[in-house]
Amino acid sequence: EFLHRVVTYLVNAGVRQFIDLGSGVPTVGNVHEV
């Protein structure tokens, strides 16, 4: 849920590029989905 709020903040701040380190399985509200 912290990740969800951070990514939402960043996109609204104009960020369009993300590098997610130690990602795990990219499901259940992961970075690209948000």
Full PDB file with SEQRES, HELIX, SHEET, SSBOND, CRYST1, ORIGX, SCALE, CONECT and MASTER records, all heavy atoms in Angstrom:
SEQRES   1 A   34  GLU PHE LEU HIS ARG VAL VAL THR TYR LEU VAL ASN ALA          
SEQRES   2 A   34  GLY VAL ARG GLN PHE ILE ASP LEU GLY SER GLY VAL PRO          
SEQRES   3 A   34  THR VAL GLY ASN VAL HIS GLU VAL                              
HELIX    1 AA1 PHE A    2  ASN A   12  1                                  11    
CRYST1    1.000    1.000    1.000  90.00  90.00  90.00 P 1           1          
ORIGX1      1.000000  0.000000  0.000000        0.00000                         
ORIGX2      0.000000  1.000000  0.000000        0.00000                         
ORIGX3      0.000000  0.000000  1.000000        0.00000                         
SCALE1      1.000000  0.000000  0.000000        0.00000                         
SCALE2      0.000000  1.000000  0.000000        0.00000                         
SCALE3      0.000000  0.000000  1.000000        0.00000                         
ATOM      1  N   GLU A   1       0.830  -1.198   0.000  1.00  0.00           N  
ATOM      2  CA  GLU A   1       0.000   0.000   0.000  1.00  0.00           C  
ATOM      3  C   GLU A   1       0.871   1.256   0.000  1.00  0.00           C  
ATOM      4  O   GLU A   1       0.518   2.266  -0.642  1.00  0.00           O  
ATOM      5  CB  GLU A   1      -0.933  -0.032   1.202  1.00  0.00           C  
ATOM      6  CG  GLU A   1      -2.025  -1.095   1.061  1.00  0.00           C  
ATOM      7  CD  GLU A   1      -2.673  -1.472   2.372  1.00  0.00           C  
ATOM      8  OE1 GLU A   1      -2.303  -0.893   3.412  1.00  0.00           O  
ATOM      9  OE2 GLU A   1      -3.539  -2.357   2.361  1.00  0.00           O  
ATOM     10  N   PHE A   2       2.005   1.213   0.694  1.00  0.00           N  
ATOM     11  CA  PHE A   2       2.968   2.317   0.643  1.00  0.00           C  
ATOM     12  C   PHE A   2       3.449   2.507  -0.791  1.00  0.00           C  
ATOM     13  O   PHE A   2       3.515   3.638  -1.298  1.00  0.00           O  
ATOM     14  CB  PHE A   2       4.139   2.021   1.578  1.00  0.00           C  
ATOM     15  CG  PHE A   2       5.331   2.920   1.397  1.00  0.00           C  
ATOM     16  CD1 PHE A   2       5.346   4.215   1.907  1.00  0.00           C  
ATOM     17  CD2 PHE A   2       6.455   2.470   0.720  1.00  0.00           C  
ATOM     18  CE1 PHE A   2       6.447   5.042   1.744  1.00  0.00           C  
ATOM     19  CE2 PHE A   2       7.571   3.288   0.549  1.00  0.00           C  
ATOM     20  CZ  PHE A   2       7.556   4.577   1.057  1.00  0.00           C  
ATOM     21  N   LEU A   3       3.796   1.413  -1.461  1.00  0.00           N  
ATOM     22  CA  LEU A   3       4.236   1.488  -2.850  1.00  0.00           C  
ATOM     23  C   LEU A   3       3.165   2.142  -3.727  1.00  0.00           C  
ATOM     24  O   LEU A   3       3.473   3.000  -4.559  1.00  0.00           O  
ATOM     25  CB  LEU A   3       4.552   0.077  -3.368  1.00  0.00           C  
ATOM     26  CG  LEU A   3       4.920  -0.038  -4.843  1.00  0.00           C  
ATOM     27  CD1 LEU A   3       6.281   0.602  -5.107  1.00  0.00           C  
ATOM     28  CD2 LEU A   3       4.933  -1.500  -5.279  1.00  0.00           C  
ATOM     29  N   HIS A   4       1.934   1.759  -3.527  1.00  0.00           N  
ATOM     30  CA  HIS A   4       0.824   2.330  -4.303  1.00  0.00           C  
ATOM     31  C   HIS A   4       0.751   3.843  -4.108  1.00  0.00           C  
ATOM     32  O   HIS A   4       0.628   4.607  -5.084  1.00  0.00           O  
ATOM     33  CB  HIS A   4      -0.487   1.669  -3.866  1.00  0.00           C  
ATOM     34  CG  HIS A   4      -1.669   2.023  -4.708  1.00  0.00           C  
ATOM     35  ND1 HIS A   4      -2.236   3.282  -4.707  1.00  0.00           N  
ATOM     36  CD2 HIS A   4      -2.388   1.285  -5.578  1.00  0.00           C  
ATOM     37  CE1 HIS A   4      -3.255   3.310  -5.542  1.00  0.00           C  
ATOM     38  NE2 HIS A   4      -3.374   2.108  -6.087  1.00  0.00           N  
ATOM     39  N   ARG A   5       0.876   4.297  -2.856  1.00  0.00           N  
ATOM     40  CA  ARG A   5       0.780   5.733  -2.594  1.00  0.00           C  
ATOM     41  C   ARG A   5       1.980   6.483  -3.162  1.00  0.00           C  
ATOM     42  O   ARG A   5       1.845   7.592  -3.698  1.00  0.00           O  
ATOM     43  CB  ARG A   5       0.660   5.985  -1.086  1.00  0.00           C  
ATOM     44  CG  ARG A   5      -0.622   5.416  -0.475  1.00  0.00           C  
ATOM     45  CD  ARG A   5      -0.878   5.953   0.915  1.00  0.00           C  
ATOM     46  NE  ARG A   5       0.167   5.650   1.882  1.00  0.00           N  
ATOM     47  CZ  ARG A   5       0.241   4.514   2.589  1.00  0.00           C  
ATOM     48  NH1 ARG A   5      -0.665   3.556   2.416  1.00  0.00           N  
ATOM     49  NH2 ARG A   5       1.207   4.341   3.475  1.00  0.00           N  
ATOM     50  N   VAL A   6       3.157   5.879  -3.068  1.00  0.00           N  
ATOM     51  CA  VAL A   6       4.363   6.516  -3.599  1.00  0.00           C  
ATOM     52  C   VAL A   6       4.271   6.666  -5.110  1.00  0.00           C  
ATOM     53  O   VAL A   6       4.540   7.739  -5.670  1.00  0.00           O  
ATOM     54  CB  VAL A   6       5.625   5.707  -3.204  1.00  0.00           C  
ATOM     55  CG1 VAL A   6       6.811   6.106  -4.071  1.00  0.00           C  
ATOM     56  CG2 VAL A   6       5.962   5.922  -1.741  1.00  0.00           C  
ATOM     57  N   VAL A   7       3.906   5.583  -5.792  1.00  0.00           N  
ATOM     58  CA  VAL A   7       3.832   5.636  -7.260  1.00  0.00           C  
ATOM     59  C   VAL A   7       2.765   6.630  -7.703  1.00  0.00           C  
ATOM     60  O   VAL A   7       2.974   7.400  -8.647  1.00  0.00           O  
ATOM     61  CB  VAL A   7       3.558   4.232  -7.832  1.00  0.00           C  
ATOM     62  CG1 VAL A   7       3.282   4.303  -9.329  1.00  0.00           C  
ATOM     63  CG2 VAL A   7       4.749   3.311  -7.565  1.00  0.00           C  
ATOM     64  N   THR A   8       1.640   6.652  -7.027  1.00  0.00           N  
ATOM     65  CA  THR A   8       0.585   7.617  -7.359  1.00  0.00           C  
ATOM     66  C   THR A   8       1.102   9.042  -7.203  1.00  0.00           C  
ATOM     67  O   THR A   8       0.881   9.903  -8.077  1.00  0.00           O  
ATOM     68  CB  THR A   8      -0.644   7.390  -6.464  1.00  0.00           C  
ATOM     69  OG1 THR A   8      -1.148   6.068  -6.673  1.00  0.00           O  
ATOM     70  CG2 THR A   8      -1.729   8.412  -6.772  1.00  0.00           C  
ATOM     71  N   TYR A   9       1.792   9.308  -6.093  1.00  0.00           N  
ATOM     72  CA  TYR A   9       2.362  10.647  -5.869  1.00  0.00           C  
ATOM     73  C   TYR A   9       3.337  11.003  -6.997  1.00  0.00           C  
ATOM     74  O   TYR A   9       3.306  12.123  -7.539  1.00  0.00           O  
ATOM     75  CB  TYR A   9       3.081  10.683  -4.521  1.00  0.00           C  
ATOM     76  CG  TYR A   9       3.832  11.977  -4.263  1.00  0.00           C  
ATOM     77  CD1 TYR A   9       3.221  13.036  -3.607  1.00  0.00           C  
ATOM     78  CD2 TYR A   9       5.152  12.147  -4.708  1.00  0.00           C  
ATOM     79  CE1 TYR A   9       3.907  14.235  -3.390  1.00  0.00           C  
ATOM     80  CE2 TYR A   9       5.833  13.334  -4.507  1.00  0.00           C  
ATOM     81  CZ  TYR A   9       5.204  14.374  -3.841  1.00  0.00           C  
ATOM     82  OH  TYR A   9       5.878  15.551  -3.638  1.00  0.00           O  
ATOM     83  N   LEU A  10       4.203  10.066  -7.355  1.00  0.00           N  
ATOM     84  CA  LEU A  10       5.246  10.342  -8.343  1.00  0.00           C  
ATOM     85  C   LEU A  10       4.645  10.620  -9.723  1.00  0.00           C  
ATOM     86  O   LEU A  10       5.085  11.545 -10.419  1.00  0.00           O  
ATOM     87  CB  LEU A  10       6.216   9.165  -8.410  1.00  0.00           C  
ATOM     88  CG  LEU A  10       7.126   9.010  -7.189  1.00  0.00           C  
ATOM     89  CD1 LEU A  10       7.822   7.648  -7.200  1.00  0.00           C  
ATOM     90  CD2 LEU A  10       8.155  10.133  -7.144  1.00  0.00           C  
ATOM     91  N   VAL A  11       3.675   9.828 -10.121  1.00  0.00           N  
ATOM     92  CA  VAL A  11       3.047  10.069 -11.421  1.00  0.00           C  
ATOM     93  C   VAL A  11       2.381  11.442 -11.436  1.00  0.00           C  
ATOM     94  O   VAL A  11       2.513  12.205 -12.401  1.00  0.00           O  
ATOM     95  CB  VAL A  11       2.026   8.966 -11.754  1.00  0.00           C  
ATOM     96  CG1 VAL A  11       1.291   9.292 -13.054  1.00  0.00           C  
ATOM     97  CG2 VAL A  11       2.726   7.615 -11.889  1.00  0.00           C  
ATOM     98  N   ASN A  12       1.700  11.781 -10.365  1.00  0.00           N  
ATOM     99  CA  ASN A  12       1.060  13.094 -10.290  1.00  0.00           C  
ATOM    100  C   ASN A  12       2.081  14.226 -10.238  1.00  0.00           C  
ATOM    101  O   ASN A  12       1.760  15.373 -10.595  1.00  0.00           O  
ATOM    102  CB  ASN A  12       0.138  13.162  -9.078  1.00  0.00           C  
ATOM    103  CG  ASN A  12      -1.100  12.293  -9.238  1.00  0.00           C  
ATOM    104  OD1 ASN A  12      -1.553  12.065 -10.362  1.00  0.00           O  
ATOM    105  ND2 ASN A  12      -1.648  11.807  -8.136  1.00  0.00           N  
ATOM    106  N   ALA A  13       3.315  13.903  -9.805  1.00  0.00           N  
ATOM    107  CA  ALA A  13       4.393  14.895  -9.781  1.00  0.00           C  
ATOM    108  C   ALA A  13       5.124  14.984 -11.118  1.00  0.00           C  
ATOM    109  O   ALA A  13       6.056  15.776 -11.260  1.00  0.00           O  
ATOM    110  CB  ALA A  13       5.395  14.555  -8.673  1.00  0.00           C  
ATOM    111  N   GLY A  14       4.723  14.166 -12.091  1.00  0.00           N  
ATOM    112  CA  GLY A  14       5.295  14.243 -13.429  1.00  0.00           C  
ATOM    113  C   GLY A  14       6.289  13.171 -13.777  1.00  0.00           C  
ATOM    114  O   GLY A  14       6.835  13.175 -14.895  1.00  0.00           O  
ATOM    115  N   VAL A  15       6.562  12.237 -12.884  1.00  0.00           N  
ATOM    116  CA  VAL A  15       7.516  11.165 -13.172  1.00  0.00           C  
ATOM    117  C   VAL A  15       6.856  10.138 -14.079  1.00  0.00           C  
ATOM    118  O   VAL A  15       5.714   9.731 -13.846  1.00  0.00           O  
ATOM    119  CB  VAL A  15       8.018  10.497 -11.876  1.00  0.00           C  
ATOM    120  CG1 VAL A  15       8.938   9.327 -12.188  1.00  0.00           C  
ATOM    121  CG2 VAL A  15       8.733  11.520 -11.004  1.00  0.00           C  
ATOM    122  N   ARG A  16       7.610   9.712 -15.094  1.00  0.00           N  
ATOM    123  CA  ARG A  16       7.075   8.737 -16.048  1.00  0.00           C  
ATOM    124  C   ARG A  16       7.974   7.505 -16.183  1.00  0.00           C  
ATOM    125  O   ARG A  16       7.684   6.623 -16.991  1.00  0.00           O  
ATOM    126  CB  ARG A  16       6.914   9.389 -17.437  1.00  0.00           C  
ATOM    127  CG  ARG A  16       5.980  10.594 -17.448  1.00  0.00           C  
ATOM    128  CD  ARG A  16       4.543  10.164 -17.200  1.00  0.00           C  
ATOM    129  NE  ARG A  16       3.607  11.294 -17.232  1.00  0.00           N  
ATOM    130  CZ  ARG A  16       3.168  11.923 -16.146  1.00  0.00           C  
ATOM    131  NH1 ARG A  16       3.588  11.551 -14.935  1.00  0.00           N  
ATOM    132  NH2 ARG A  16       2.313  12.922 -16.242  1.00  0.00           N  
ATOM    133  N   GLN A  17       9.063   7.441 -15.406  1.00  0.00           N  
ATOM    134  CA  GLN A  17      10.018   6.343 -15.513  1.00  0.00           C  
ATOM    135  C   GLN A  17      10.297   5.770 -14.129  1.00  0.00           C  
ATOM    136  O   GLN A  17      10.560   6.527 -13.187  1.00  0.00           O  
ATOM    137  CB  GLN A  17      11.336   6.818 -16.125  1.00  0.00           C  
ATOM    138  CG  GLN A  17      11.190   7.538 -17.460  1.00  0.00           C  
ATOM    139  CD  GLN A  17      12.540   7.920 -18.037  1.00  0.00           C  
ATOM    140  OE1 GLN A  17      13.031   7.295 -18.961  1.00  0.00           O  
ATOM    141  NE2 GLN A  17      13.162   8.935 -17.461  1.00  0.00           N  
ATOM    142  N   PHE A  18      10.265   4.430 -14.017  1.00  0.00           N  
ATOM    143  CA  PHE A  18      10.428   3.774 -12.727  1.00  0.00           C  
ATOM    144  C   PHE A  18      11.375   2.585 -12.859  1.00  0.00           C  
ATOM    145  O   PHE A  18      11.276   1.810 -13.816  1.00  0.00           O  
ATOM    146  CB  PHE A  18       9.079   3.271 -12.209  1.00  0.00           C  
ATOM    147  CG  PHE A  18       8.069   4.364 -11.974  1.00  0.00           C  
ATOM    148  CD1 PHE A  18       7.300   4.860 -13.019  1.00  0.00           C  
ATOM    149  CD2 PHE A  18       7.899   4.902 -10.701  1.00  0.00           C  
ATOM    150  CE1 PHE A  18       6.372   5.868 -12.807  1.00  0.00           C  
ATOM    151  CE2 PHE A  18       6.970   5.912 -10.481  1.00  0.00           C  
ATOM    152  CZ  PHE A  18       6.205   6.396 -11.541  1.00  0.00           C  
ATOM    153  N   ILE A  19      12.264   2.455 -11.891  1.00  0.00           N  
ATOM    154  CA  ILE A  19      13.098   1.260 -11.752  1.00  0.00           C  
ATOM    155  C   ILE A  19      12.790   0.664 -10.389  1.00  0.00           C  
ATOM    156  O   ILE A  19      13.084   1.265  -9.356  1.00  0.00           O  
ATOM    157  CB  ILE A  19      14.605   1.579 -11.872  1.00  0.00           C  
ATOM    158  CG1 ILE A  19      14.909   2.205 -13.234  1.00  0.00           C  
ATOM    159  CG2 ILE A  19      15.435   0.310 -11.671  1.00  0.00           C  
ATOM    160  CD1 ILE A  19      16.366   2.645 -13.391  1.00  0.00           C  
ATOM    161  N   ASP A  20      12.183  -0.517 -10.397  1.00  0.00           N  
ATOM    162  CA  ASP A  20      11.755  -1.184  -9.172  1.00  0.00           C  
ATOM    163  C   ASP A  20      12.715  -2.329  -8.878  1.00  0.00           C  
ATOM    164  O   ASP A  20      12.774  -3.309  -9.640  1.00  0.00           O  
ATOM    165  CB  ASP A  20      10.323  -1.701  -9.344  1.00  0.00           C  
ATOM    166  CG  ASP A  20       9.782  -2.323  -8.065  1.00  0.00           C  
ATOM    167  OD1 ASP A  20      10.175  -1.868  -6.979  1.00  0.00           O  
ATOM    168  OD2 ASP A  20       8.974  -3.258  -8.163  1.00  0.00           O  
ATOM    169  N   LEU A  21      13.458  -2.226  -7.792  1.00  0.00           N  
ATOM    170  CA  LEU A  21      14.525  -3.170  -7.467  1.00  0.00           C  
ATOM    171  C   LEU A  21      14.050  -4.197  -6.445  1.00  0.00           C  
ATOM    172  O   LEU A  21      13.470  -3.837  -5.427  1.00  0.00           O  
ATOM    173  CB  LEU A  21      15.743  -2.412  -6.930  1.00  0.00           C  
ATOM    174  CG  LEU A  21      16.333  -1.380  -7.899  1.00  0.00           C  
ATOM    175  CD1 LEU A  21      17.308  -0.458  -7.169  1.00  0.00           C  
ATOM    176  CD2 LEU A  21      17.038  -2.075  -9.058  1.00  0.00           C  
ATOM    177  N   GLY A  22      14.329  -5.479  -6.714  1.00  0.00           N  
ATOM    178  CA  GLY A  22      13.844  -6.532  -5.843  1.00  0.00           C  
ATOM    179  C   GLY A  22      12.342  -6.660  -5.943  1.00  0.00           C  
ATOM    180  O   GLY A  22      11.633  -6.712  -4.935  1.00  0.00           O  
ATOM    181  N   SER A  23      11.837  -6.747  -7.166  1.00  0.00           N  
ATOM    182  CA  SER A  23      10.421  -6.530  -7.445  1.00  0.00           C  
ATOM    183  C   SER A  23       9.498  -7.645  -6.983  1.00  0.00           C  
ATOM    184  O   SER A  23       8.370  -7.387  -6.563  1.00  0.00           O  
ATOM    185  CB  SER A  23      10.217  -6.335  -8.951  1.00  0.00           C  
ATOM    186  OG  SER A  23      11.103  -5.376  -9.464  1.00  0.00           O  
ATOM    187  N   GLY A  24       9.945  -8.899  -7.108  1.00  0.00           N  
ATOM    188  CA  GLY A  24       9.021  -9.992  -6.898  1.00  0.00           C  
ATOM    189  C   GLY A  24       8.082 -10.142  -8.084  1.00  0.00           C  
ATOM    190  O   GLY A  24       8.339  -9.632  -9.180  1.00  0.00           O  
ATOM    191  N   VAL A  25       6.973 -10.847  -7.877  1.00  0.00           N  
ATOM    192  CA  VAL A  25       6.006 -11.068  -8.955  1.00  0.00           C  
ATOM    193  C   VAL A  25       5.234  -9.768  -9.210  1.00  0.00           C  
ATOM    194  O   VAL A  25       4.658  -9.201  -8.278  1.00  0.00           O  
ATOM    195  CB  VAL A  25       5.029 -12.200  -8.587  1.00  0.00           C  
ATOM    196  CG1 VAL A  25       4.077 -12.471  -9.746  1.00  0.00           C  
ATOM    197  CG2 VAL A  25       5.792 -13.467  -8.212  1.00  0.00           C  
ATOM    198  N   PRO A  26       5.203  -9.283 -10.464  1.00  0.00           N  
ATOM    199  CA  PRO A  26       4.575  -7.976 -10.741  1.00  0.00           C  
ATOM    200  C   PRO A  26       3.058  -8.063 -10.847  1.00  0.00           C  
ATOM    201  O   PRO A  26       2.464  -7.857 -11.909  1.00  0.00           O  
ATOM    202  CB  PRO A  26       5.212  -7.579 -12.072  1.00  0.00           C  
ATOM    203  CG  PRO A  26       5.460  -8.889 -12.761  1.00  0.00           C  
ATOM    204  CD  PRO A  26       5.827  -9.863 -11.660  1.00  0.00           C  
ATOM    205  N   THR A  27       2.405  -8.358  -9.723  1.00  0.00           N  
ATOM    206  CA  THR A  27       0.953  -8.473  -9.691  1.00  0.00           C  
ATOM    207  C   THR A  27       0.413  -7.750  -8.466  1.00  0.00           C  
ATOM    208  O   THR A  27       1.163  -7.229  -7.646  1.00  0.00           O  
ATOM    209  CB  THR A  27       0.520  -9.953  -9.615  1.00  0.00           C  
ATOM    210  OG1 THR A  27       1.079 -10.540  -8.429  1.00  0.00           O  
ATOM    211  CG2 THR A  27       0.977 -10.728 -10.821  1.00  0.00           C  
ATOM    212  N   VAL A  28      -0.878  -7.755  -8.311  1.00  0.00           N  
ATOM    213  CA  VAL A  28      -1.589  -7.253  -7.134  1.00  0.00           C  
ATOM    214  C   VAL A  28      -1.194  -5.811  -6.831  1.00  0.00           C  
ATOM    215  O   VAL A  28      -0.686  -5.487  -5.768  1.00  0.00           O  
ATOM    216  CB  VAL A  28      -1.361  -8.160  -5.901  1.00  0.00           C  
ATOM    217  CG1 VAL A  28      -2.436  -7.876  -4.847  1.00  0.00           C  
ATOM    218  CG2 VAL A  28      -1.385  -9.634  -6.257  1.00  0.00           C  
ATOM    219  N   GLY A  29      -1.397  -4.943  -7.821  1.00  0.00           N  
ATOM    220  CA  GLY A  29      -1.134  -3.525  -7.613  1.00  0.00           C  
ATOM    221  C   GLY A  29       0.327  -3.152  -7.625  1.00  0.00           C  
ATOM    222  O   GLY A  29       0.748  -2.271  -6.865  1.00  0.00           O  
ATOM    223  N   ASN A  30       1.109  -3.811  -8.481  1.00  0.00           N  
ATOM    224  CA  ASN A  30       2.517  -3.438  -8.561  1.00  0.00           C  
ATOM    225  C   ASN A  30       2.696  -2.193  -9.428  1.00  0.00           C  
ATOM    226  O   ASN A  30       1.718  -1.607  -9.890  1.00  0.00           O  
ATOM    227  CB  ASN A  30       3.365  -4.615  -9.064  1.00  0.00           C  
ATOM    228  CG  ASN A  30       4.701  -4.716  -8.357  1.00  0.00           C  
ATOM    229  OD1 ASN A  30       5.383  -3.719  -8.161  1.00  0.00           O  
ATOM    230  ND2 ASN A  30       5.073  -5.921  -7.960  1.00  0.00           N  
ATOM    231  N   VAL A  31       3.960  -1.805  -9.665  1.00  0.00           N  
ATOM    232  CA  VAL A  31       4.258  -0.468 -10.170  1.00  0.00           C  
ATOM    233  C   VAL A  31       3.579  -0.168 -11.500  1.00  0.00           C  
ATOM    234  O   VAL A  31       2.947   0.879 -11.671  1.00  0.00           O  
ATOM    235  CB  VAL A  31       5.784  -0.268 -10.285  1.00  0.00           C  
ATOM    236  CG1 VAL A  31       6.096   1.139 -10.807  1.00  0.00           C  
ATOM    237  CG2 VAL A  31       6.458  -0.499  -8.946  1.00  0.00           C  
ATOM    238  N   HIS A  32       3.714  -1.058 -12.474  1.00  0.00           N  
ATOM    239  CA  HIS A  32       3.152  -0.748 -13.801  1.00  0.00           C  
ATOM    240  C   HIS A  32       1.635  -0.655 -13.755  1.00  0.00           C  
ATOM    241  O   HIS A  32       1.041   0.158 -14.470  1.00  0.00           O  
ATOM    242  CB  HIS A  32       3.610  -1.778 -14.836  1.00  0.00           C  
ATOM    243  CG  HIS A  32       2.926  -3.102 -14.748  1.00  0.00           C  
ATOM    244  ND1 HIS A  32       3.188  -4.012 -13.748  1.00  0.00           N  
ATOM    245  CD2 HIS A  32       1.963  -3.674 -15.534  1.00  0.00           C  
ATOM    246  CE1 HIS A  32       2.442  -5.094 -13.928  1.00  0.00           C  
ATOM    247  NE2 HIS A  32       1.687  -4.910 -14.990  1.00  0.00           N  
ATOM    248  N   GLU A  33       1.005  -1.473 -12.907  1.00  0.00           N  
ATOM    249  CA  GLU A  33      -0.448  -1.435 -12.805  1.00  0.00           C  
ATOM    250  C   GLU A  33      -0.924  -0.093 -12.253  1.00  0.00           C  
ATOM    251  O   GLU A  33      -1.914   0.472 -12.735  1.00  0.00           O  
ATOM    252  CB  GLU A  33      -0.937  -2.583 -11.925  1.00  0.00           C  
ATOM    253  CG  GLU A  33      -0.667  -3.965 -12.519  1.00  0.00           C  
ATOM    254  CD  GLU A  33      -1.084  -5.093 -11.602  1.00  0.00           C  
ATOM    255  OE1 GLU A  33      -0.949  -4.954 -10.375  1.00  0.00           O  
ATOM    256  OE2 GLU A  33      -1.533  -6.117 -12.126  1.00  0.00           O  
ATOM    257  N   VAL A  34      -0.216   0.416 -11.261  1.00  0.00           N  
ATOM    258  CA  VAL A  34      -0.598   1.688 -10.661  1.00  0.00           C  
ATOM    259  C   VAL A  34      -0.266   2.848 -11.594  1.00  0.00           C  
ATOM    260  O   VAL A  34      -1.126   3.683 -11.911  1.00  0.00           O  
ATOM    261  CB  VAL A  34       0.106   1.880  -9.299  1.00  0.00           C  
ATOM    262  CG1 VAL A  34      -0.248   3.242  -8.704  1.00  0.00           C  
ATOM    263  CG2 VAL A  34      -0.264   0.765  -8.330  1.00  0.00           C  
TER     264      VAL A  34                                                      
MASTER        0    0    0    1    0    0    0    6  263    1    0    3          
END                                                                             
